[in-house]
Protein backbone atom coordinates (compact mmCIF):
# COMPACT_ATOMS: atom_id res chain seq x y z
CA UNK A 1 -15.61 18.33 -12.88
CA UNK A 2 -17.90 16.01 -10.40
CA UNK A 3 -15.35 13.80 -8.31
CA UNK A 4 -17.40 11.25 -8.39
CA UNK A 5 -17.85 8.12 -10.47
CA UNK A 6 -17.65 4.17 -10.92
CA UNK A 7 -14.84 2.17 -12.40
CA UNK A 8 -14.47 -1.76 -13.10
CA UNK A 9 -9.75 -1.05 -13.79
CA UNK A 10 -8.36 -2.81 -12.17
CA UNK A 11 -11.60 -4.22 -10.10
CA UNK A 12 -14.98 -2.25 -9.63
CA UNK A 13 -13.84 0.30 -7.78
CA UNK A 14 -17.02 2.96 -6.38
CA UNK A 15 -15.62 6.18 -6.02
CA UNK A 16 -16.52 9.13 -4.50
CA UNK A 17 -17.49 11.57 -1.14
CA UNK A 18 -19.91 9.51 0.83
CA UNK A 19 -20.03 6.80 -0.89
CA UNK A 20 -19.50 4.28 1.91
CA UNK A 21 -23.22 4.46 2.38
CA UNK A 22 -23.19 1.84 -0.05
CA UNK A 23 -21.73 -0.75 1.61
CA UNK A 24 -24.43 -2.99 1.86
CA UNK A 25 -24.93 -2.72 -1.68
CA UNK A 26 -20.71 -3.47 -2.60
CA UNK A 27 -21.18 -6.45 0.26
CA UNK A 28 -24.80 -7.64 -2.11
CA UNK A 29 -23.17 -7.23 -5.38
CA UNK A 30 -20.00 -9.51 -3.91
CA UNK A 31 -22.35 -11.99 -2.73
CA UNK A 32 -21.55 -11.41 1.24
CA UNK A 33 -24.63 -12.00 3.79
CA UNK A 34 -22.65 -12.37 6.99
CA UNK A 35 -19.61 -10.17 6.58
CA UNK A 36 -16.19 -9.36 8.89
CA UNK A 37 -14.68 -6.10 9.40
CA UNK A 38 -11.26 -6.09 9.27
CA UNK A 39 -9.04 -3.14 10.74
CA UNK A 40 -6.75 -2.54 12.71
CA UNK A 41 -6.33 -1.00 16.47
CA UNK A 42 -6.98 2.75 16.55
CA UNK A 43 -9.79 3.13 13.49
CA UNK A 44 -11.72 0.22 15.82
CA UNK A 45 -13.21 2.68 17.75
CA UNK A 46 -13.47 5.86 15.21
CA UNK A 47 -16.39 7.37 14.07
CA UNK A 48 -15.75 6.61 10.12
CA UNK A 49 -15.46 2.55 11.75
CA UNK A 50 -18.78 2.60 14.02
CA UNK A 51 -21.01 4.31 11.29
CA UNK A 52 -19.55 1.70 8.97
CA UNK A 53 -20.85 -1.39 11.17
CA UNK A 54 -24.21 1.04 11.64
CA UNK A 55 -24.32 0.90 8.24
CA UNK A 56 -23.75 -3.32 8.28
CA UNK A 57 -26.63 -3.67 11.30
CA UNK A 58 -29.11 -1.35 9.80
CA UNK A 59 -28.93 -3.50 6.45
CA UNK A 60 -29.37 -6.88 8.53
CA UNK A 61 -25.61 -7.64 7.91
CA UNK A 62 -24.40 -7.38 11.29
CA UNK A 63 -21.71 -5.85 12.69
CA UNK A 64 -18.25 -8.58 13.63
CA UNK A 65 -15.23 -6.75 13.83
CA UNK A 66 -12.09 -7.90 14.13
CA UNK A 67 -9.16 -5.44 15.49
CA UNK A 68 -6.00 -7.65 16.48
CA UNK A 69 -3.81 -6.29 13.85
CA UNK A 70 -0.87 -4.43 14.07
CA UNK A 71 1.02 -1.93 12.09
CA UNK A 72 3.06 -3.92 10.57
CA UNK A 73 0.53 -7.44 10.81
CA UNK A 74 2.10 -10.77 10.92
CA UNK A 75 1.35 -14.30 11.07
CA UNK A 76 -0.60 -14.32 14.90
CA UNK A 77 -2.61 -11.94 13.51
CA UNK A 78 -3.62 -13.87 10.81
CA UNK A 79 -3.79 -16.93 12.84
CA UNK A 80 -6.13 -14.78 15.07
CA UNK A 81 -7.94 -13.42 12.32
CA UNK A 82 -9.09 -16.64 10.77
CA UNK A 83 -10.07 -18.60 13.73
CA UNK A 84 -12.60 -15.42 14.02
CA UNK A 85 -13.70 -15.57 11.04
CA UNK A 86 -14.66 -19.44 11.31
CA UNK A 87 -16.19 -18.62 14.27
CA UNK A 88 -17.99 -16.04 13.30
CA UNK A 89 -19.25 -17.93 10.31
CA UNK A 90 -18.53 -15.11 8.17
CA UNK A 91 -18.69 -15.42 4.43
CA UNK A 92 -16.57 -12.81 3.63
CA UNK A 93 -14.48 -9.57 4.31
CA UNK A 94 -14.62 -6.03 4.63
CA UNK A 95 -10.89 -5.16 4.83
CA UNK A 96 -11.22 -1.93 7.02
CA UNK A 97 -8.41 0.64 6.76
CA UNK A 98 -4.28 1.80 5.41
CA UNK A 99 -2.31 -0.59 4.86
CA UNK A 100 -2.47 -3.03 6.99
CA UNK A 101 -5.97 -3.89 8.34
CA UNK A 102 -6.31 -3.63 4.20
CA UNK A 103 -3.50 -6.72 3.65
CA UNK A 104 -4.89 -8.52 6.66
CA UNK A 105 -8.46 -8.19 6.40
CA UNK A 106 -7.09 -9.71 2.06
CA UNK A 107 -4.99 -12.11 3.79
CA UNK A 108 -7.53 -13.48 5.91
CA UNK A 109 -10.55 -14.02 4.07
CA UNK A 110 -7.83 -15.70 1.33
CA UNK A 111 -5.98 -18.02 4.23
CA UNK A 112 -9.40 -19.31 5.78
CA UNK A 113 -10.49 -22.51 4.26
CA UNK A 114 -6.95 -22.97 2.87
CA UNK A 115 -5.40 -26.26 4.29
CA UNK A 116 -1.60 -25.14 3.51
CA UNK A 117 -0.04 -23.10 6.30
CA UNK A 118 0.75 -19.42 5.27
CA UNK A 119 4.23 -19.63 3.94
CA UNK A 120 3.32 -22.02 1.21
CA UNK A 121 1.93 -19.33 -0.59
CA UNK A 122 5.39 -16.72 -0.63
CA UNK A 123 5.01 -14.58 -3.84
CA UNK A 124 7.89 -17.07 -5.11
CA UNK A 125 7.81 -18.71 -8.51
CA UNK A 126 4.47 -20.74 -9.17
CA UNK A 127 4.21 -21.25 -5.04
CA UNK A 128 0.21 -18.65 -5.00
CA UNK A 129 -1.09 -21.84 -7.50
CA UNK A 130 -0.45 -24.02 -4.59
CA UNK A 131 -3.97 -22.56 -3.17
CA UNK A 132 -7.63 -23.76 -3.45
CA UNK A 133 -8.76 -21.29 -4.97
CA UNK A 134 -12.80 -22.41 -4.68
CA UNK A 135 -12.87 -21.75 -1.17
CA UNK A 136 -11.37 -17.97 -1.23
CA UNK A 137 -14.17 -15.79 0.46
CA UNK A 138 -14.62 -12.15 -1.32
CA UNK A 139 -13.34 -9.27 -0.39
CA UNK A 140 -14.82 -5.76 0.02
CA UNK A 141 -12.27 -3.24 0.83
CA UNK A 142 -12.66 0.45 1.83
CA UNK A 143 -9.06 2.43 2.59
CA UNK A 144 -9.21 5.39 5.27
CA UNK A 145 -6.00 6.35 3.93
CA UNK A 146 -4.15 7.80 1.21
CA UNK A 147 -1.19 5.76 0.04
CA UNK A 148 -1.00 2.04 0.49
CA UNK A 149 -3.59 0.88 -2.53
CA UNK A 150 -3.80 -2.21 -1.39
CA UNK A 151 -7.49 -1.98 -2.43
CA UNK A 152 -6.54 -2.74 -5.67
CA UNK A 153 -3.63 -5.74 -5.11
CA UNK A 154 -3.20 -8.84 -5.61
CA UNK A 155 -1.23 -9.73 -2.25
CA UNK A 156 -0.37 -8.74 1.26
CA UNK A 157 2.54 -7.84 3.28
CA UNK A 158 2.91 -9.88 5.94
CA UNK A 159 5.66 -9.82 8.32
CA UNK A 160 7.25 -13.66 9.87
CA UNK A 161 7.23 -12.22 13.32
CA UNK A 162 9.94 -14.49 14.33
CA UNK A 163 12.68 -14.17 11.26
CA UNK A 164 11.68 -10.55 11.39
CA UNK A 165 11.25 -10.79 7.48
CA UNK A 166 8.54 -8.98 4.96
CA UNK A 167 6.68 -11.28 3.15
CA UNK A 168 4.68 -11.33 0.06
CA UNK A 169 1.88 -13.73 -0.60
CA UNK A 170 0.50 -13.63 -3.64
CA UNK A 171 -3.27 -14.67 -5.41
CA UNK A 172 -5.29 -13.08 -8.29
CA UNK A 173 -8.10 -13.82 -5.95
CA UNK A 174 -6.30 -11.13 -3.52
CA UNK A 175 -7.90 -8.35 -5.19
CA UNK A 176 -11.40 -7.43 -3.90
CA UNK A 177 -14.35 -7.84 -6.14
CA UNK A 178 -15.82 -4.40 -4.80
CA UNK A 179 -13.79 -1.30 -3.85
CA UNK A 180 -15.30 2.06 -1.72
CA UNK A 181 -12.79 4.60 -2.04
CA UNK A 182 -14.74 7.52 0.40
CA UNK A 183 -12.31 10.52 0.66
CA UNK A 184 -14.04 11.29 3.17
CA UNK A 185 -12.81 8.92 5.20
CA UNK A 186 -9.66 9.69 5.19
CA UNK A 187 -10.31 13.47 6.47
CA UNK A 188 -9.34 12.76 10.17
CA UNK A 189 -5.91 11.29 8.91
CA UNK A 190 -3.01 12.92 11.03
CA UNK A 191 -0.05 15.47 8.86
CA UNK A 192 2.21 12.83 9.38
CA UNK A 193 0.26 9.84 8.58
CA UNK A 194 -1.04 11.89 5.18
CA UNK A 195 2.60 12.76 4.01
CA UNK A 196 3.60 9.16 4.63
CA UNK A 197 1.38 7.33 3.11
CA UNK A 198 0.88 9.55 0.69
CA UNK A 199 4.96 9.47 -0.56
CA UNK A 200 4.59 5.97 -0.28
CA UNK A 201 2.13 7.07 -3.21
CA UNK A 202 4.54 8.59 -5.22
CA UNK A 203 7.39 6.11 -4.35
CA UNK A 204 4.96 3.36 -5.72
CA UNK A 205 4.39 5.58 -8.39
CA UNK A 206 8.58 6.79 -9.36
CA UNK A 207 9.64 3.16 -8.88
CA UNK A 208 6.61 1.15 -11.10
CA UNK A 209 7.46 4.56 -13.60
CA UNK A 210 11.27 3.27 -13.98
CA UNK A 211 11.36 -0.31 -14.42
CA UNK A 212 12.44 -1.26 -16.80
CA UNK A 213 9.38 -4.14 -17.57
CA UNK A 214 7.09 -3.59 -20.25
CA UNK A 215 4.09 -2.40 -19.32
CA UNK A 216 3.01 0.67 -20.95
CA UNK A 217 -0.58 1.07 -19.12
CA UNK A 218 1.15 0.99 -15.87
CA UNK A 219 3.51 3.66 -17.23
CA UNK A 220 1.22 6.08 -17.82
CA UNK A 221 -0.78 5.71 -14.99
CA UNK A 222 2.06 6.15 -12.53
CA UNK A 223 2.87 8.83 -14.61
CA UNK A 224 -0.21 10.85 -13.75
CA UNK A 225 -0.26 9.31 -10.55
CA UNK A 226 2.75 11.25 -10.18
CA UNK A 227 1.59 14.46 -11.18
CA UNK A 228 -1.40 13.91 -8.50
CA UNK A 229 0.50 13.85 -6.25
CA UNK A 230 2.59 16.65 -7.19
CA UNK A 231 -0.32 18.79 -6.89
CA UNK A 232 -2.94 17.67 -4.50
CA UNK A 233 -0.16 16.29 -1.67
CA UNK A 234 0.97 19.29 -0.24
CA UNK A 235 -2.63 20.49 -0.32
CA UNK A 236 -4.19 17.64 1.88
CA UNK A 237 -1.34 18.55 3.90
CA UNK A 238 -1.98 22.14 4.86
CA UNK A 239 -5.30 21.41 5.09
CA UNK A 240 -6.78 18.16 6.11
CA UNK A 241 -10.88 18.84 5.35
CA UNK A 242 -9.68 19.93 1.23
CA UNK A 243 -11.72 16.92 -0.25
CA UNK A 244 -10.56 17.89 -3.45
CA UNK A 245 -7.59 16.89 -2.72
CA UNK A 246 -7.76 14.06 -0.34
CA UNK A 247 -10.00 12.60 -3.35
CA UNK A 248 -7.24 13.35 -5.68
CA UNK A 249 -5.01 11.82 -3.19
CA UNK A 250 -7.02 8.60 -2.92
CA UNK A 251 -7.35 8.20 -6.90
CA UNK A 252 -2.98 8.91 -6.60
CA UNK A 253 -2.90 5.68 -4.40
CA UNK A 254 -4.96 3.05 -6.46
CA UNK A 255 -3.22 4.20 -9.47
CA UNK A 256 0.19 3.60 -7.85
CA UNK A 257 -0.66 0.05 -6.85
CA UNK A 258 -2.58 -0.51 -10.34
CA UNK A 259 1.10 0.81 -11.41
CA UNK A 260 3.22 -1.12 -9.33
CA UNK A 261 1.81 -4.00 -11.72
CA UNK A 262 5.16 -3.33 -13.88
CA UNK A 263 7.77 -3.70 -10.95
CA UNK A 264 8.54 -1.91 -7.48
CA UNK A 265 12.76 -1.42 -6.81
CA UNK A 266 15.64 -0.62 -4.47
CA UNK A 267 13.24 1.47 -2.19
CA UNK A 268 10.84 -0.78 -1.24
CA UNK A 269 13.50 -3.30 -1.32
CA UNK A 270 15.24 -1.52 1.09
CA UNK A 271 12.08 -0.38 3.11
CA UNK A 272 10.64 -4.57 3.88
CA UNK A 273 13.77 -5.19 5.77
CA UNK A 274 13.69 -2.24 7.68
CA UNK A 275 10.60 -1.69 8.23
CA UNK A 276 10.35 -5.59 9.62
CA UNK A 277 13.28 -4.90 11.96
CA UNK A 278 12.52 -1.99 13.32
CA UNK A 279 9.00 -1.28 13.14
CA UNK A 280 9.38 1.66 10.94
CA UNK A 281 6.45 3.26 9.38
CA UNK A 282 6.38 2.22 5.60
CA UNK A 283 5.86 5.12 3.35
CA UNK A 284 7.79 7.53 5.56
CA UNK A 285 11.08 5.06 5.31
CA UNK A 286 10.38 4.92 1.26
CA UNK A 287 9.84 8.33 1.81
CA UNK A 288 14.04 8.58 3.19
CA UNK A 289 15.07 6.30 1.10
CA UNK A 290 13.91 7.48 -2.20
CA UNK A 291 16.34 10.26 -2.89
CA UNK A 292 19.72 7.92 -2.51
CA UNK A 293 18.08 5.58 -4.74
CA UNK A 294 17.02 7.95 -7.73
CA UNK A 295 20.93 8.83 -7.22
CA UNK A 296 21.96 5.24 -6.70
CA UNK A 297 19.67 4.47 -10.67
CA UNK A 298 20.30 8.01 -11.83
CA UNK A 299 21.95 5.82 -15.21
CA UNK A 300 19.47 3.60 -16.10
CA UNK A 301 16.52 6.05 -15.93
CA UNK A 302 17.80 9.80 -16.17
CA UNK A 303 16.08 9.88 -19.67
CA UNK A 304 12.54 8.37 -18.05
CA UNK A 305 12.80 10.84 -15.27
CA UNK A 306 13.71 13.97 -17.44
CA UNK A 307 10.37 13.16 -19.80
CA UNK A 308 8.58 13.15 -16.52
CA UNK A 309 10.03 15.94 -15.12
CA UNK A 310 8.82 17.69 -18.67
CA UNK A 311 5.69 16.56 -17.99
CA UNK A 312 5.57 17.26 -14.49
CA UNK A 313 6.51 20.56 -14.64
CA UNK A 314 9.79 20.27 -13.24
CA UNK A 315 12.56 22.12 -14.41
CA UNK A 316 15.91 20.70 -14.36
CA UNK A 317 15.70 17.17 -16.02
CA UNK A 318 16.80 14.34 -13.99
CA UNK A 319 18.31 17.05 -11.30
CA UNK A 320 15.44 19.01 -10.93
CA UNK A 321 13.37 15.87 -10.02
CA UNK A 322 15.72 15.07 -7.25
CA UNK A 323 15.42 18.47 -5.97
CA UNK A 324 11.67 18.56 -6.31
CA UNK A 325 11.69 15.62 -4.63
CA UNK A 326 14.28 16.63 -1.90
CA UNK A 327 12.36 19.96 -1.21
CA UNK A 328 8.90 17.77 -1.04
CA UNK A 329 10.34 15.68 1.20
CA UNK A 330 11.26 18.51 3.72
CA UNK A 331 8.16 20.29 3.49
CA UNK A 332 5.69 17.48 4.75
CA UNK A 333 8.23 16.79 8.25
CA UNK A 334 9.83 13.88 6.16
CA UNK A 335 13.16 12.74 8.53
CA UNK A 336 16.59 13.03 6.42
CA UNK A 337 18.05 9.78 7.39
CA UNK A 338 16.83 7.02 8.44
CA UNK A 339 19.08 7.55 11.92
CA UNK A 340 16.51 10.19 12.71
CA UNK A 341 13.48 8.18 11.08
CA UNK A 342 14.94 6.07 14.78
CA UNK A 343 16.72 3.01 12.73
CA UNK A 344 19.58 3.21 15.82
CA UNK A 345 22.79 0.92 14.71
CA UNK A 346 21.24 -0.79 11.95
CA UNK A 347 22.16 -4.07 11.04
CA UNK A 348 23.86 -3.56 7.62
CA UNK A 349 24.44 -7.03 6.55
CA UNK A 350 20.96 -8.40 7.83
CA UNK A 351 18.79 -5.97 6.03
CA UNK A 352 21.13 -5.86 2.86
CA UNK A 353 20.31 -9.71 3.27
CA UNK A 354 16.91 -9.17 3.51
CA UNK A 355 16.81 -6.57 0.53
CA UNK A 356 18.72 -8.73 -1.78
CA UNK A 357 16.02 -11.70 -1.39
CA UNK A 358 12.85 -9.20 -1.72
CA UNK A 359 10.69 -9.47 -4.90
CA UNK A 360 11.12 -5.92 -5.36
CA UNK A 361 14.80 -6.07 -6.50
CA UNK A 362 13.97 -7.81 -9.68
CA UNK A 363 12.14 -3.98 -10.67
CA UNK A 364 14.78 -1.92 -9.85
CA UNK A 365 16.46 -0.46 -12.90
CA UNK A 366 19.80 -0.93 -12.00
CA UNK A 367 20.78 -4.56 -11.04
CA UNK A 368 21.73 -4.90 -6.69
CA UNK A 369 24.10 -6.09 -5.49
CA UNK A 370 25.70 -7.44 -1.94
CA UNK A 371 28.17 -4.36 -2.51
CA UNK A 372 26.49 -1.09 -4.59
CA UNK A 373 23.06 -2.61 -2.27
CA UNK A 374 24.98 -2.10 1.26
CA UNK A 375 26.71 1.19 0.07
CA UNK A 376 23.25 3.13 -0.85
CA UNK A 377 21.74 1.29 2.68
CA UNK A 378 25.10 3.48 3.63
CA UNK A 379 24.09 6.31 2.02
CA UNK A 380 20.56 6.47 3.16
CA UNK A 381 22.12 6.37 7.07
């Protein structure tokens, strides 16, 4: 079976090994003639980035790059990116990298020509309608990890460096015009990044599947996304050059982010404030919290998870699924607790307060309160 395709759901996706060679054509399809490639510092000098810049330069599109992006990007990175975009006279963005580069790239394209400040567009009610849609620049997204799925998302997660809170900035036009999913770009990922990002994709699928909101298309996508992670993440972790496993995990990442239109839940509600305060890796934090959250939600999701377990060929229903998650985490070197992850002497009240105001909270199948969320957090420590 050929693992190469063109997809138009949820946006135009050029999927397959070697398709980074189409980057110039993707820019043309998006109407971009002078792109700014935005990525994180770690990727700036890597061969996959240099190759992409070479392709752009060869096509007459320049080789402009902005790489002042932190692992948890913040408003300072956004301000610097907007300055680089405007001073360079760019007309579009190539968001390149993992979640950090993708989120910051999309945000710069959105924010560059707005007249209101960043935090006016937080994902609260209809705040997104404050934006001038006509000035949002086109985006080509190129993921280099298989986890966040930000390449098909309508939002960016940005840390407020003053309050140490992760905020979701939303607008429908955050959705890139063209996505290039080239699994060859993920070959060089270290094992711990393969594990953390892969489990981020799994968390997206599990939480979307568990969300009480009605969205049957997302429900089906989440279930199949879980299957791809189950079948291919261990292979990608064991052999980083396994291109089939890398491709299937890239599919799972895109599927997870498509599915969570249905909602997320307590895993992400906890992970966002923990990451903002203690600078932990997002996907790995999700993985650490997942076993406790499954138990927290058992009363509401037991039957659904039984059905998922049957589809995934996991014996034992809900308990068997939870055992599978525990074993998967262990096999991928995931810490058992937040303490092992490096979260020392956590500020319980602060994390709980952050979790309860996080937009993900609304998608959790069990209503989160200060009391039960505190108990949940303590069980993760």
